[in-house]
Every structure is written in C-alpha cells, then in structure tokens.
Amino acid sequence: MIEAIDSFKNKKIMVIGDIIADEFIIGEPERLSREAPVIILRHRERDILPGGGANAASNIASLGGMVSLAGVIGRDRTGEDLSCVLQGQGMDINGLITSSDRPTAVKTRIIAGGNQVVKQQVARIDHFDETLISKEIENSLLDFISGEIVKYDGILISDYGLGLFTDRLKQGIVELADSYDKFTAVDSRYDLLDYQGVSLATPNLEEAGQALDRCLLNQNEVVEAGLELINRMQSTYLLITQGGDGMTVFTAEGDYKHIPVANYAEVFDVTGAGDTVVGTILLALCTGLDIYQAMELANCAAGIVVRKAGVATVNPAELKEELKKQ
C-alpha cells in the first residue's frame, strides 16, 4: 500500500460541498468584566482554517491529491481569507461561487489562554445560512461540474446540510458521474438516502441510525443497518465509522468486514476524522486498491488525525510511517 500512497499525487479529485470557515479568535485572559461575570480577553490573533467540504478537500490535498473545490462562499472578508488559505494549499478553486446574498458559513471558536498555559475553547458561535441556494447558483454549479468532470478520477460530495445540495443538484451530480463512469463518494450529514447509486457512502454511527430512524446500540445492529442501507441506496460500498469502536465496510454483494480503530489508547479528538476517512478511501480506490485495502489505509489515516487537536490533516510521510507500524 506504500506504492498506492505515492500514486495519490497522480489522482484528480473534484470535491463538491458545503464550504465552512473554521475561525479561531485567540485571546489572553486579563480580568473579570464589571458588566457581567465573564472574563475579558485581550485579542491576540485570528486564524482561518478550512471546514466542512473545504476540510475534506484539504485532507485530499494534504495527501498529495490534485483537488478542485466547488461550492459557495460569501463576498466577505472571511470568504476572501478562506480562499487564500485554499489556494495556498494548491487547490483549484475556480468552482467556488462568490455570492453577495449568502455569507460565508463560519464556525467561530473563542480560545482563551496565555503563553504559559494550555489554551481552552470558551465559546463557539455558528453563523450559517441554511436556506437552499438560488436557481442561479444551482445552474452555475451544474454548468461547472458538467464542463469539468471528465478531467477527474473521483468525485466527493460533502453535504453538511447547509443548503447547497438541492434535489436537482444531488441528482445531477450522480447522473453526470455515472455517465462519465467516475467513482463517487458521499458524506452526508442528514440526507444520506437521497444519494441513490453512488459508489461509496461513509456515514458515521449517528448518521446511519438517523437515516433508518433508529439508534444503533451494538455491532449486530450496525451490521443490520449497514446491509439495509447499502441495499436501499444501491451503492457499491458503504462504510460506517464508529468512533472509538472502529469502522465496518459493506459491499453490494452482502459482504462486510469490521476493523478496530488504530491506536485506540491515543484517541482524543475525533473532530474532522470523517473527512480524513472519506478523502483517504476515495484516493485509495482511485489508485486501484480494493475496498478492504482502502479501508485499512483510511483507518491508519484516522488513527493519525485523532491524535492531533482540532480539525487536522494527514500527509503521505505520516501515513507511510503509520503503515510500517502495522
């Protein structure tokens, strides 16, 4: 599988997704406010990192894949800052549509701490417009995708439920990918069953249960749910990620396999791990690995990223080193 990692750099992936800016405002505690029982922070720095579909794209780029990102950002400072970050990672962002009517989706985290202490998150503010995109934006995205899709090895749909994926856009992407025989992976937070006929779906435990309107409390229930989901979605593969309990993959033939999480004792932050899994497995499948090899590779990548604080990525050198330990 080491050779497959080296081949990632030859693969082109189009990521279509809800674009989120992860904003971090970092301040140093000074004193208690006289206005309310809260701490006053003196502003020290502000960072913008890719979130949502942009984080999935960032993971693929970090692993060496060539990425084109399509979605919507606002005509605002945050959108400009995020665009600069994405371009700095070597992404093609010609598919990013800038809207004057739809602000960039932002998760703002307020972080407090000085140089001598561990910084802590004290609040998070989400600023989302969850209404469906306009017909004009929908047409522009479909025109871009239809004109570019032939150039790519795989398509990743990253649906965070923020209004990008209209019924027409969902159907259009899957039909275009099918007509050009492109591998499609979908990571959908709320509307998994809308993506009929994709190559791969990667719900987590909660998303899989939500799609079937039930809780999955043990491995037997996970297996039952996975077999039902893959049958209802008519997908080629389905992977259910289970946090500290690993992941289970299912095939259209009714086969399945479970593997435990890598480096379980060191797991501490699963933020963004799902983006790492879907990005790695898509690249692996596009290089010719079978689904079980791709699953093992994605599990290694997830085992690395959960040892990093916050939304993080994995690079090829880290992945190769982790494989050597297996």
Protein backbone atom coordinates (compact mmCIF):
# COMPACT_ATOMS: atom_id res chain seq x y z
CA MET A 1 0.00 0.00 0.00
CA ILE A 2 3.04 2.26 0.26
CA GLU A 3 3.13 2.41 -3.54
CA ALA A 4 -0.52 3.47 -3.61
CA ILE A 5 0.26 6.44 -1.36
CA ASP A 6 2.95 7.53 -3.82
CA SER A 7 0.33 7.39 -6.58
CA PHE A 8 -2.02 9.80 -4.81
CA LYS A 9 -0.21 12.70 -6.46
CA ASN A 10 -1.40 11.48 -9.86
CA LYS A 11 -5.09 11.48 -8.94
CA LYS A 12 -7.50 14.35 -9.53
CA ILE A 13 -10.49 14.68 -7.23
CA MET A 14 -13.39 17.11 -7.53
CA VAL A 15 -14.89 18.00 -4.15
CA ILE A 16 -18.38 19.49 -4.17
CA GLY A 17 -19.50 20.58 -0.75
CA ASP A 18 -20.84 22.95 1.86
CA ILE A 19 -17.92 25.31 2.47
CA ILE A 20 -17.32 26.30 6.10
CA ALA A 21 -14.65 28.59 7.51
CA ASP A 22 -13.32 27.46 10.88
CA GLU A 23 -12.42 30.76 12.55
CA PHE A 24 -10.31 30.83 15.70
CA ILE A 25 -10.16 34.04 17.74
CA ILE A 26 -7.47 33.71 20.39
CA GLY A 27 -7.25 36.00 23.41
CA GLU A 28 -5.32 36.25 26.64
CA PRO A 29 -7.36 36.47 29.86
CA GLU A 30 -6.94 39.82 31.61
CA ARG A 31 -9.59 40.26 34.31
CA LEU A 32 -13.24 39.82 35.17
CA SER A 33 -15.64 42.21 33.50
CA ARG A 34 -17.59 44.75 35.56
CA GLU A 35 -20.51 44.36 33.16
CA ALA A 36 -21.12 40.65 33.72
CA PRO A 37 -19.45 37.63 35.40
CA VAL A 38 -17.26 36.91 32.38
CA ILE A 39 -13.56 37.05 31.62
CA ILE A 40 -12.23 39.85 29.43
CA LEU A 41 -9.85 38.57 26.74
CA ARG A 42 -7.27 40.74 25.04
CA HIS A 43 -7.27 39.82 21.35
CA ARG A 44 -4.01 38.22 20.21
CA GLU A 45 -4.64 36.52 16.87
CA ARG A 46 -7.22 35.25 14.39
CA ASP A 47 -6.85 32.15 12.25
CA ILE A 48 -8.99 30.77 9.44
CA LEU A 49 -8.91 27.07 8.56
CA PRO A 50 -10.94 25.04 6.03
CA GLY A 51 -14.05 23.39 7.44
CA GLY A 52 -16.92 21.31 6.08
CA GLY A 53 -16.39 20.33 2.46
CA ALA A 54 -13.28 22.52 2.39
CA ASN A 55 -11.74 20.34 5.12
CA ALA A 56 -12.44 17.20 3.10
CA ALA A 57 -10.69 18.87 0.16
CA SER A 58 -7.85 19.94 2.43
CA ASN A 59 -7.32 16.34 3.54
CA ILE A 60 -7.06 15.14 -0.06
CA ALA A 61 -4.63 17.94 -0.92
CA SER A 62 -2.53 17.15 2.16
CA LEU A 63 -2.25 13.53 0.99
CA GLY A 64 -0.94 14.73 -2.36
CA GLY A 65 -4.08 14.55 -4.49
CA MET A 66 -4.92 17.25 -7.03
CA VAL A 67 -8.12 18.93 -5.86
CA SER A 68 -10.77 21.10 -7.45
CA LEU A 69 -13.26 22.55 -4.96
CA ALA A 70 -16.80 23.60 -5.90
CA GLY A 71 -19.30 25.31 -3.62
CA VAL A 72 -20.41 28.74 -2.41
CA ILE A 73 -18.73 31.38 -0.26
CA GLY A 74 -19.83 34.91 0.58
CA ARG A 75 -18.47 38.15 -0.80
CA ASP A 76 -16.94 38.96 2.58
CA ARG A 77 -13.66 39.08 4.46
CA THR A 78 -13.99 35.52 5.74
CA GLY A 79 -14.60 34.18 2.24
CA GLU A 80 -11.55 36.05 0.95
CA ASP A 81 -9.38 34.76 3.79
CA LEU A 82 -10.55 31.18 3.27
CA SER A 83 -9.92 31.40 -0.48
CA CYS A 84 -6.34 32.47 0.18
CA VAL A 85 -5.83 29.52 2.53
CA LEU A 86 -7.23 27.06 -0.03
CA GLN A 87 -5.11 28.45 -2.84
CA GLY A 88 -2.09 28.24 -0.54
CA GLN A 89 -2.77 24.50 -0.26
CA GLY A 90 -2.57 24.20 -4.03
CA MET A 91 -6.28 23.74 -4.73
CA ASP A 92 -8.12 24.78 -7.86
CA ILE A 93 -10.96 26.99 -6.57
CA ASN A 94 -12.46 28.01 -9.92
CA GLY A 95 -15.58 26.12 -8.87
CA LEU A 96 -16.12 28.33 -5.81
CA ILE A 97 -19.00 30.70 -6.48
CA THR A 98 -18.94 34.01 -4.60
CA SER A 99 -22.38 35.23 -3.54
CA SER A 100 -23.35 38.72 -2.42
CA ASP A 101 -26.57 37.39 -0.87
CA ARG A 102 -25.20 34.39 1.01
CA PRO A 103 -22.48 34.99 3.63
CA THR A 104 -19.68 32.51 4.12
CA ALA A 105 -20.65 29.83 6.64
CA VAL A 106 -18.48 30.31 9.74
CA LYS A 107 -17.83 28.41 12.95
CA THR A 108 -16.16 30.95 15.25
CA ARG A 109 -14.33 29.48 18.23
CA ILE A 110 -13.23 31.77 21.05
CA ILE A 111 -9.99 30.44 22.54
CA ALA A 112 -8.56 31.70 25.84
CA GLY A 113 -5.07 31.18 27.22
CA GLY A 114 -1.65 32.72 27.73
CA ASN A 115 1.78 31.59 26.62
CA GLN A 116 2.35 29.51 29.75
CA VAL A 117 -0.97 27.65 29.90
CA VAL A 118 -2.98 25.33 27.69
CA LYS A 119 -5.45 27.27 25.54
CA GLN A 120 -9.10 26.38 26.06
CA GLN A 121 -12.19 26.91 23.92
CA VAL A 122 -14.66 29.02 25.90
CA ALA A 123 -17.40 29.55 23.30
CA ARG A 124 -18.40 28.74 19.72
CA ILE A 125 -20.64 30.84 17.51
CA ASP A 126 -22.07 29.35 14.30
CA HIS A 127 -23.15 31.69 11.51
CA PHE A 128 -24.96 29.71 8.82
CA ASP A 129 -27.48 30.49 6.09
CA GLU A 130 -29.25 27.14 5.72
CA THR A 131 -31.73 28.16 3.04
CA LEU A 132 -31.41 26.43 -0.31
CA ILE A 133 -29.15 28.07 -2.88
CA SER A 134 -30.72 30.14 -5.64
CA LYS A 135 -31.53 28.73 -9.06
CA GLU A 136 -28.77 30.93 -10.50
CA ILE A 137 -26.11 29.40 -8.23
CA GLU A 138 -27.52 25.92 -8.84
CA ASN A 139 -27.23 26.40 -12.63
CA SER A 140 -23.70 27.78 -12.33
CA LEU A 141 -22.55 24.82 -10.25
CA LEU A 142 -24.09 22.27 -12.61
CA ASP A 143 -22.52 24.02 -15.60
CA PHE A 144 -19.11 23.97 -13.90
CA ILE A 145 -19.37 20.32 -12.88
CA SER A 146 -20.58 19.13 -16.28
CA GLY A 147 -17.78 21.01 -18.03
CA GLU A 148 -15.01 19.77 -15.73
CA ILE A 149 -15.99 16.28 -14.59
CA VAL A 150 -14.30 14.47 -17.45
CA LYS A 151 -10.89 15.60 -16.12
CA TYR A 152 -11.25 13.93 -12.72
CA ASP A 153 -10.74 10.43 -11.33
CA GLY A 154 -13.22 10.73 -8.48
CA ILE A 155 -15.99 12.95 -7.13
CA LEU A 156 -16.53 13.65 -3.43
CA ILE A 157 -19.88 15.03 -2.27
CA SER A 158 -19.59 16.64 1.17
CA ASP A 159 -23.11 17.51 2.36
CA TYR A 160 -23.28 19.26 5.75
CA GLY A 161 -26.92 20.22 5.32
CA LEU A 162 -26.29 23.95 4.78
CA GLY A 163 -28.47 24.40 1.70
CA LEU A 164 -26.05 23.73 -1.15
CA PHE A 165 -27.47 20.41 -2.25
CA THR A 166 -30.85 20.91 -3.84
CA ASP A 167 -32.65 17.82 -5.15
CA ARG A 168 -31.69 18.81 -8.70
CA LEU A 169 -28.02 19.23 -7.78
CA LYS A 170 -27.87 15.88 -5.97
CA GLN A 171 -29.43 14.04 -8.89
CA GLY A 172 -27.40 15.96 -11.46
CA ILE A 173 -24.04 15.18 -9.83
CA VAL A 174 -24.75 11.46 -9.51
CA GLU A 175 -26.08 11.22 -13.08
CA LEU A 176 -23.09 13.11 -14.51
CA ALA A 177 -20.63 10.97 -12.59
CA ASP A 178 -22.38 7.81 -13.75
CA SER A 179 -22.42 8.93 -17.38
CA TYR A 180 -18.65 9.53 -17.29
CA ASP A 181 -18.00 6.37 -15.21
CA LYS A 182 -16.47 8.35 -12.34
CA PHE A 183 -16.12 6.97 -8.82
CA THR A 184 -18.39 8.90 -6.43
CA ALA A 185 -18.19 9.11 -2.63
CA VAL A 186 -20.76 10.86 -0.48
CA ASP A 187 -20.50 12.06 3.11
CA SER A 188 -23.95 13.39 4.02
CA ARG A 189 -24.96 14.52 7.50
CA TYR A 190 -28.74 14.42 7.10
CA ASP A 191 -29.86 13.23 3.65
CA LEU A 192 -27.96 10.00 3.06
CA LEU A 193 -30.81 8.17 1.34
CA ASP A 194 -31.13 10.93 -1.27
CA TYR A 195 -27.87 9.79 -2.90
CA GLN A 196 -29.03 6.71 -4.74
CA GLY A 197 -26.45 4.88 -6.85
CA VAL A 198 -23.22 6.44 -5.53
CA SER A 199 -20.10 4.29 -5.44
CA LEU A 200 -19.43 4.82 -1.73
CA ALA A 201 -21.26 6.31 1.26
CA THR A 202 -19.45 6.97 4.56
CA PRO A 203 -21.94 7.76 7.34
CA ASN A 204 -20.91 7.75 10.97
CA LEU A 205 -22.90 5.76 13.52
CA GLU A 206 -25.34 8.60 14.26
CA GLU A 207 -25.94 9.40 10.58
CA ALA A 208 -26.55 5.75 9.71
CA GLY A 209 -29.05 5.42 12.54
CA GLN A 210 -30.75 8.68 11.63
CA ALA A 211 -31.21 7.54 8.02
CA LEU A 212 -33.09 4.48 9.29
CA ASP A 213 -34.82 6.30 12.17
CA ARG A 214 -33.31 4.16 14.90
CA CYS A 215 -30.37 4.03 17.32
CA LEU A 216 -27.58 1.55 16.69
CA LEU A 217 -26.56 0.21 20.09
CA ASN A 218 -24.32 -2.75 19.28
CA GLN A 219 -22.35 -4.33 16.45
CA ASN A 220 -25.18 -6.64 15.41
CA GLU A 221 -27.41 -3.60 14.91
CA VAL A 222 -24.63 -1.85 12.96
CA VAL A 223 -24.40 -4.85 10.62
CA GLU A 224 -28.17 -4.98 10.12
CA ALA A 225 -28.26 -1.25 9.42
CA GLY A 226 -25.33 -1.36 7.01
CA LEU A 227 -26.84 -4.16 4.95
CA GLU A 228 -30.19 -2.36 4.83
CA LEU A 229 -28.63 0.98 3.90
CA ILE A 230 -26.47 -0.32 1.08
CA ASN A 231 -29.47 -2.16 -0.35
CA ARG A 232 -31.70 0.93 -0.16
CA MET A 233 -29.03 3.24 -1.58
CA GLN A 234 -28.00 0.80 -4.32
CA SER A 235 -24.40 1.85 -3.71
CA THR A 236 -21.34 -0.28 -4.42
CA TYR A 237 -19.83 0.16 -0.94
CA LEU A 238 -20.91 1.60 2.38
CA LEU A 239 -18.62 2.39 5.31
CA ILE A 240 -19.97 3.11 8.79
CA THR A 241 -17.44 4.86 11.01
CA GLN A 242 -17.91 4.09 14.70
CA GLY A 243 -15.57 6.44 16.58
CA GLY A 244 -13.55 4.54 19.15
CA ASP A 245 -15.12 1.26 18.00
CA GLY A 246 -13.51 1.35 14.55
CA MET A 247 -15.38 1.02 11.27
CA THR A 248 -17.39 -1.51 9.28
CA VAL A 249 -17.49 -1.74 5.49
CA PHE A 250 -20.26 -3.36 3.43
CA THR A 251 -20.37 -4.39 -0.23
CA ALA A 252 -23.28 -4.65 -2.65
CA GLU A 253 -22.81 -8.44 -2.62
CA GLY A 254 -23.73 -8.54 1.06
CA ASP A 255 -20.22 -8.99 2.45
CA TYR A 256 -18.94 -6.92 5.36
CA LYS A 257 -15.83 -6.50 7.49
CA HIS A 258 -15.14 -4.70 10.76
CA ILE A 259 -11.77 -3.36 11.91
CA PRO A 260 -10.93 -1.76 15.26
CA VAL A 261 -9.71 1.82 15.40
CA ALA A 262 -5.97 2.37 15.01
CA ASN A 263 -4.11 3.49 18.16
CA TYR A 264 -7.22 3.35 20.35
CA ALA A 265 -5.39 4.33 23.53
CA GLU A 266 -4.23 7.59 21.97
CA VAL A 267 -7.56 8.76 20.55
CA PHE A 268 -8.58 12.11 21.99
CA ASP A 269 -10.06 14.38 19.31
CA VAL A 270 -12.22 12.99 16.52
CA THR A 271 -13.03 16.44 15.05
CA GLY A 272 -12.84 16.18 11.26
CA ALA A 273 -11.83 12.50 11.29
CA GLY A 274 -14.72 11.63 8.97
CA ASP A 275 -13.31 13.99 6.33
CA THR A 276 -9.95 12.25 6.65
CA VAL A 277 -11.54 8.83 6.22
CA VAL A 278 -13.59 9.66 3.12
CA GLY A 279 -10.73 11.56 1.47
CA THR A 280 -8.24 8.76 2.05
CA ILE A 281 -10.53 5.95 0.97
CA LEU A 282 -11.53 7.80 -2.21
CA LEU A 283 -7.91 8.39 -3.20
CA ALA A 284 -7.06 4.76 -2.40
CA LEU A 285 -9.89 3.39 -4.53
CA CYS A 286 -8.93 5.68 -7.41
CA THR A 287 -5.38 4.27 -7.32
CA GLY A 288 -6.69 0.73 -7.73
CA LEU A 289 -6.74 -0.61 -4.16
CA ASP A 290 -9.69 -2.82 -3.28
CA ILE A 291 -12.25 -1.67 -0.73
CA TYR A 292 -10.66 -3.58 2.16
CA GLN A 293 -7.18 -2.21 1.46
CA ALA A 294 -8.66 1.29 1.11
CA MET A 295 -10.46 0.81 4.43
CA GLU A 296 -7.23 -0.22 6.19
CA LEU A 297 -5.45 2.82 4.78
CA ALA A 298 -8.27 5.16 5.83
CA ASN A 299 -8.22 3.65 9.32
CA CYS A 300 -4.49 4.38 9.59
CA ALA A 301 -5.07 7.97 8.46
CA ALA A 302 -7.87 8.42 11.02
CA GLY A 303 -5.61 6.99 13.71
CA ILE A 304 -3.14 9.78 12.98
CA VAL A 305 -5.57 12.68 12.76
CA VAL A 306 -7.37 11.93 16.02
CA ARG A 307 -4.07 12.36 17.86
CA LYS A 308 -3.99 15.97 16.68
CA ALA A 309 -6.03 18.71 18.32
CA GLY A 310 -8.90 20.22 16.34
CA VAL A 311 -9.56 19.86 12.62
CA ALA A 312 -6.38 18.37 11.18
CA THR A 313 -4.96 16.64 8.11
CA VAL A 314 -2.52 13.82 7.36
CA ASN A 315 0.42 13.89 4.95
CA PRO A 316 1.92 10.98 2.96
CA ALA A 317 5.02 10.70 5.15
CA GLU A 318 2.89 10.32 8.30
CA LEU A 319 0.68 7.73 6.61
CA LYS A 320 3.64 5.68 5.41
CA GLU A 321 5.20 5.72 8.87
CA GLU A 322 1.94 4.60 10.44
CA LEU A 323 1.65 1.72 7.94
CA LYS A 324 5.10 0.49 8.87
CA LYS A 325 3.92 0.08 12.48
CA GLN A 326 1.03 -2.20 11.49
